[in-house]
Amino acid sequence: MREILGRRPRLRFRRRRGPAQLDAALTCATEWHWPVLPGAGLKAAGGRGDRGRGCACPDPECVVPGAHPFDPGLLAATTDARMVRWWWTNRPDAPVVLATGGHAPCAVSLPAVAGARALTALDRAGLRLGPVVATPTRWALLVAPYTLERLGELLYVKDSVPSSLRFHGEGGYLVLPPSWTGPGQVRWERAPSPGRRLRTSGGQRVAAPASPWLPDVEAVVDALVEASTSAPDGGSRLRY
């Protein structure tokens, strides 16, 4: 079957027993070695897909309902399968939160309209992209790990950087699909394309899953700044 140009195959997580969040969390942790933990989630009232539900954390004015770590805290993020199973067995609908930075992916997020504009520009330039996470209000491009020093060098030369851009680096986090948060469902706008690595098994070299490929932040930051600056509000609104 021929692949339709301009489209990438959708990632299908390997089926395991349990809800989709557990399946996704195990794939991230055990196959891709991305440290994850459960997010705060939403209040139980209302249907699972209802928008506008408040955060399950104690803050009644939480600006990122369901989309942040709470208990456990971010430092608990792990790639240990037993811990991941325990968390999502007890909280099957909890959002999947990636702890960014270190050896894990980093990300740059921007308002959804600007994100769509940036992807169009990057595709037109022929740039290979990695995974892109989308919510109804924001899109996030996953990139290779970067340091604050390197990010500072890239942004220093810009005339201005819109405040609507968010940089998820060391000590940060990002909610991954198929989670539900206050604005709605988190989905893949561009699904990860898992790589393959060779390992030795029974004396033979066999292919094993590897972490998805990620672009360098330097390759995408210009397009993201430009798209955010040209957004209807000039990129000045930090909308969650």
Protein backbone atom coordinates (compact mmCIF):
# COMPACT_ATOMS: atom_id res chain seq x y z
CA MET A 1 0.00 0.00 0.00
CA ARG A 2 1.36 3.40 -0.92
CA GLU A 3 1.75 6.05 1.73
CA ILE A 4 -0.21 9.22 1.03
CA LEU A 5 2.24 12.07 0.71
CA GLY A 6 1.95 14.67 3.40
CA ARG A 7 0.51 12.25 5.93
CA ARG A 8 2.28 10.19 8.52
CA PRO A 9 1.01 6.91 9.90
CA ARG A 10 -0.79 7.16 13.20
CA LEU A 11 1.01 5.64 16.14
CA ARG A 12 -0.91 2.77 17.71
CA PHE A 13 0.23 1.89 21.19
CA ARG A 14 0.73 -1.80 21.78
CA ARG A 15 -2.40 -3.22 23.33
CA ARG A 16 -2.17 -4.12 26.99
CA ARG A 17 -4.77 -4.73 29.59
CA GLY A 18 -6.09 -1.56 31.15
CA PRO A 19 -7.09 1.94 30.07
CA ALA A 20 -5.38 3.86 27.30
CA GLN A 21 -3.47 6.04 29.78
CA LEU A 22 -1.71 3.01 31.28
CA ASP A 23 -0.89 1.74 27.82
CA ALA A 24 0.58 5.09 26.80
CA ALA A 25 2.49 5.56 30.05
CA LEU A 26 4.10 2.12 29.78
CA THR A 27 5.11 2.75 26.17
CA CYS A 28 6.74 6.05 27.11
CA ALA A 29 8.49 4.68 30.19
CA THR A 30 9.62 1.21 29.15
CA GLU A 31 10.11 1.47 25.38
CA TRP A 32 11.14 5.10 24.93
CA HIS A 33 12.71 5.65 28.39
CA TRP A 34 10.77 8.86 28.96
CA PRO A 35 10.13 9.51 32.69
CA VAL A 36 6.43 9.92 33.39
CA LEU A 37 4.07 10.36 36.32
CA PRO A 38 0.30 10.86 36.75
CA GLY A 39 -1.04 14.40 36.59
CA ALA A 40 -3.53 16.01 38.96
CA GLY A 41 -6.48 15.16 36.71
CA LEU A 42 -9.98 16.61 36.77
CA LYS A 43 -12.77 16.51 39.30
CA ALA A 44 -14.93 13.42 39.11
CA ALA A 45 -18.18 15.31 38.50
CA GLY A 46 -19.56 15.21 34.96
CA GLY A 47 -18.74 13.01 31.99
CA ARG A 48 -15.18 12.08 31.14
CA GLY A 49 -15.14 14.20 28.02
CA ASP A 50 -16.79 17.27 29.53
CA ARG A 51 -14.83 20.49 29.12
CA GLY A 52 -14.60 23.11 31.80
CA ARG A 53 -14.29 20.71 34.73
CA GLY A 54 -12.12 21.99 37.54
CA CYS A 55 -8.78 20.61 38.58
CA ALA A 56 -8.63 17.87 41.21
CA CYS A 57 -5.88 19.78 43.03
CA PRO A 58 -6.78 21.97 46.05
CA ASP A 59 -6.42 25.26 44.12
CA PRO A 60 -9.94 26.43 43.14
CA GLU A 61 -8.43 28.88 40.64
CA CYS A 62 -5.97 26.46 38.99
CA VAL A 63 -5.08 27.87 35.56
CA VAL A 64 -4.01 24.50 34.11
CA PRO A 65 -6.79 22.18 35.34
CA GLY A 66 -5.67 18.58 35.36
CA ALA A 67 -2.52 19.36 33.37
CA HIS A 68 0.16 19.46 36.06
CA PRO A 69 1.78 17.17 38.66
CA PHE A 70 0.40 17.31 42.19
CA ASP A 71 0.64 14.08 44.18
CA PRO A 72 3.17 12.66 43.46
CA GLY A 73 5.37 15.64 42.64
CA LEU A 74 7.42 16.05 39.49
CA LEU A 75 10.58 14.57 41.02
CA ALA A 76 8.79 11.22 41.26
CA ALA A 77 8.75 10.79 37.47
CA THR A 78 10.13 7.39 36.53
CA THR A 79 10.66 4.83 33.79
CA ASP A 80 10.03 1.93 36.19
CA ALA A 81 7.21 -0.28 34.84
CA ARG A 82 6.08 -1.47 38.28
CA MET A 83 5.66 2.08 39.56
CA VAL A 84 3.84 3.13 36.40
CA ARG A 85 1.47 0.19 36.68
CA TRP A 86 0.78 0.93 40.34
CA TRP A 87 0.01 4.59 39.67
CA TRP A 88 -2.42 4.01 36.82
CA THR A 89 -4.00 0.95 38.41
CA ASN A 90 -5.02 3.22 41.28
CA ARG A 91 -5.86 6.21 39.05
CA PRO A 92 -6.70 4.82 35.61
CA ASP A 93 -7.90 8.16 34.18
CA ALA A 94 -4.94 10.22 35.40
CA PRO A 95 -3.21 12.33 32.72
CA VAL A 96 0.18 11.13 31.51
CA VAL A 97 2.78 13.77 32.40
CA LEU A 98 6.25 13.75 30.85
CA ALA A 99 9.08 15.20 32.95
CA THR A 100 11.04 17.16 30.35
CA GLY A 101 14.77 17.76 30.15
CA GLY A 102 17.78 15.78 31.21
CA HIS A 103 17.86 12.73 28.94
CA ALA A 104 14.15 13.13 28.16
CA PRO A 105 12.66 15.27 25.38
CA CYS A 106 12.19 18.98 25.83
CA ALA A 107 9.38 20.92 24.16
CA VAL A 108 8.30 24.33 22.93
CA SER A 109 4.59 25.15 23.08
CA LEU A 110 2.54 27.97 21.60
CA PRO A 111 -1.12 28.87 20.99
CA ALA A 112 -2.93 26.39 18.73
CA VAL A 113 -3.52 28.82 15.85
CA ALA A 114 0.14 29.86 15.84
CA GLY A 115 1.18 26.21 16.13
CA ALA A 116 -0.73 25.24 12.99
CA ARG A 117 0.86 28.17 11.16
CA ALA A 118 4.34 27.14 12.33
CA LEU A 119 3.90 23.52 11.20
CA THR A 120 2.82 24.69 7.76
CA ALA A 121 5.94 26.85 7.48
CA LEU A 122 8.24 24.07 8.70
CA ASP A 123 6.67 21.55 6.31
CA ARG A 124 7.07 24.00 3.44
CA ALA A 125 10.75 24.32 4.31
CA GLY A 126 11.11 20.54 4.16
CA LEU A 127 12.18 20.23 7.79
CA ARG A 128 11.76 16.87 9.45
CA LEU A 129 9.62 17.21 12.59
CA GLY A 130 9.28 15.05 15.65
CA PRO A 131 6.14 14.45 17.72
CA VAL A 132 3.67 17.31 18.11
CA VAL A 133 1.20 17.34 21.00
CA ALA A 134 -2.07 19.23 20.56
CA THR A 135 -4.77 20.44 22.94
CA PRO A 136 -7.72 22.64 21.96
CA THR A 137 -5.73 25.72 23.07
CA ARG A 138 -2.01 24.92 22.64
CA TRP A 139 0.34 22.85 20.49
CA ALA A 140 3.76 21.65 21.63
CA LEU A 141 6.68 20.48 19.48
CA LEU A 142 8.91 17.92 21.14
CA VAL A 143 12.61 18.53 20.55
CA ALA A 144 15.92 17.03 21.60
CA PRO A 145 17.09 17.94 25.13
CA TYR A 146 18.55 21.42 25.42
CA THR A 147 20.16 23.42 28.20
CA LEU A 148 19.01 26.79 29.46
CA GLU A 149 22.34 28.22 28.34
CA ARG A 150 21.83 27.01 24.78
CA LEU A 151 18.23 28.24 24.73
CA GLY A 152 19.35 31.63 26.02
CA GLU A 153 21.89 31.94 23.21
CA LEU A 154 19.22 31.22 20.60
CA LEU A 155 16.73 33.70 22.02
CA TYR A 156 19.23 36.46 22.78
CA VAL A 157 19.65 37.30 19.09
CA LYS A 158 15.88 37.73 18.56
CA ASP A 159 14.43 41.23 18.43
CA SER A 160 11.61 39.98 20.67
CA VAL A 161 10.20 36.71 21.92
CA PRO A 162 6.39 36.47 22.35
CA SER A 163 5.29 35.76 25.90
CA SER A 164 2.86 33.16 24.55
CA LEU A 165 5.79 30.83 23.83
CA ARG A 166 6.57 28.37 26.61
CA PHE A 167 9.80 26.40 26.89
CA HIS A 168 9.59 23.03 28.63
CA GLY A 169 13.14 22.14 29.59
CA GLU A 170 14.95 20.78 32.64
CA GLY A 171 12.56 20.77 35.59
CA GLY A 172 9.51 21.23 33.35
CA TYR A 173 6.72 18.97 32.22
CA LEU A 174 4.24 18.33 29.41
CA VAL A 175 0.97 16.40 29.36
CA LEU A 176 0.91 13.65 26.72
CA PRO A 177 -1.93 11.89 24.85
CA PRO A 178 -4.41 10.38 25.40
CA SER A 179 -4.96 12.48 28.53
CA TRP A 180 -7.94 14.71 29.32
CA THR A 181 -7.42 18.17 30.83
CA GLY A 182 -9.61 21.21 31.41
CA PRO A 183 -9.62 22.45 27.78
CA GLY A 184 -10.35 18.96 26.41
CA GLN A 185 -8.50 15.92 25.10
CA VAL A 186 -4.76 15.87 24.46
CA ARG A 187 -3.90 14.26 21.12
CA TRP A 188 -1.03 13.74 18.70
CA GLU A 189 -1.06 16.26 15.85
CA ARG A 190 2.09 14.49 14.65
CA ALA A 191 2.44 11.04 16.15
CA PRO A 192 5.86 9.79 17.29
CA SER A 193 7.75 7.63 14.81
CA PRO A 194 9.49 5.08 17.04
CA GLY A 195 12.95 4.13 15.89
CA ARG A 196 14.68 0.77 16.03
CA ARG A 197 17.93 -0.22 17.66
CA LEU A 198 19.84 -3.49 17.56
CA ARG A 199 20.35 -5.53 20.70
CA THR A 200 21.79 -8.97 21.38
CA SER A 201 19.33 -11.74 22.28
CA GLY A 202 20.32 -15.40 22.38
CA GLY A 203 23.54 -14.62 20.59
CA GLN A 204 21.75 -12.88 17.75
CA ARG A 205 21.28 -9.21 16.87
CA VAL A 206 17.58 -8.34 16.87
CA ALA A 207 15.68 -5.09 16.39
CA ALA A 208 14.20 -3.48 19.51
CA PRO A 209 12.10 -0.34 20.00
CA ALA A 210 13.98 2.93 20.45
CA SER A 211 12.95 6.44 21.42
CA PRO A 212 11.27 8.50 18.69
CA TRP A 213 13.51 10.81 16.69
CA LEU A 214 13.55 14.46 17.82
CA PRO A 215 14.72 17.62 16.02
CA ASP A 216 17.11 20.11 17.57
CA VAL A 217 15.42 23.17 19.08
CA GLU A 218 17.59 25.42 16.91
CA ALA A 219 15.91 24.00 13.81
CA VAL A 220 12.40 25.02 14.85
CA VAL A 221 12.68 28.04 17.14
CA ASP A 222 12.75 30.65 14.35
CA ALA A 223 9.48 29.41 12.86
CA LEU A 224 7.83 29.22 16.28
CA VAL A 225 8.82 32.77 17.22
CA GLU A 226 7.65 34.08 13.84
CA ALA A 227 4.31 32.22 14.00
CA SER A 228 3.63 33.44 17.53
CA THR A 229 4.56 37.03 16.69
CA SER A 230 2.20 37.07 13.71
CA ALA A 231 -0.68 35.59 15.73
CA PRO A 232 -3.84 37.75 15.94
CA ASP A 233 -2.88 39.09 19.38
CA GLY A 234 0.78 39.50 18.51
CA GLY A 235 1.74 36.53 20.65
CA SER A 236 1.34 38.50 23.84
CA ARG A 237 -1.23 36.23 25.50
CA LEU A 238 -0.12 33.18 27.42
CA ARG A 239 -3.20 31.04 26.92
CA TYR A 240 -3.26 27.64 28.53
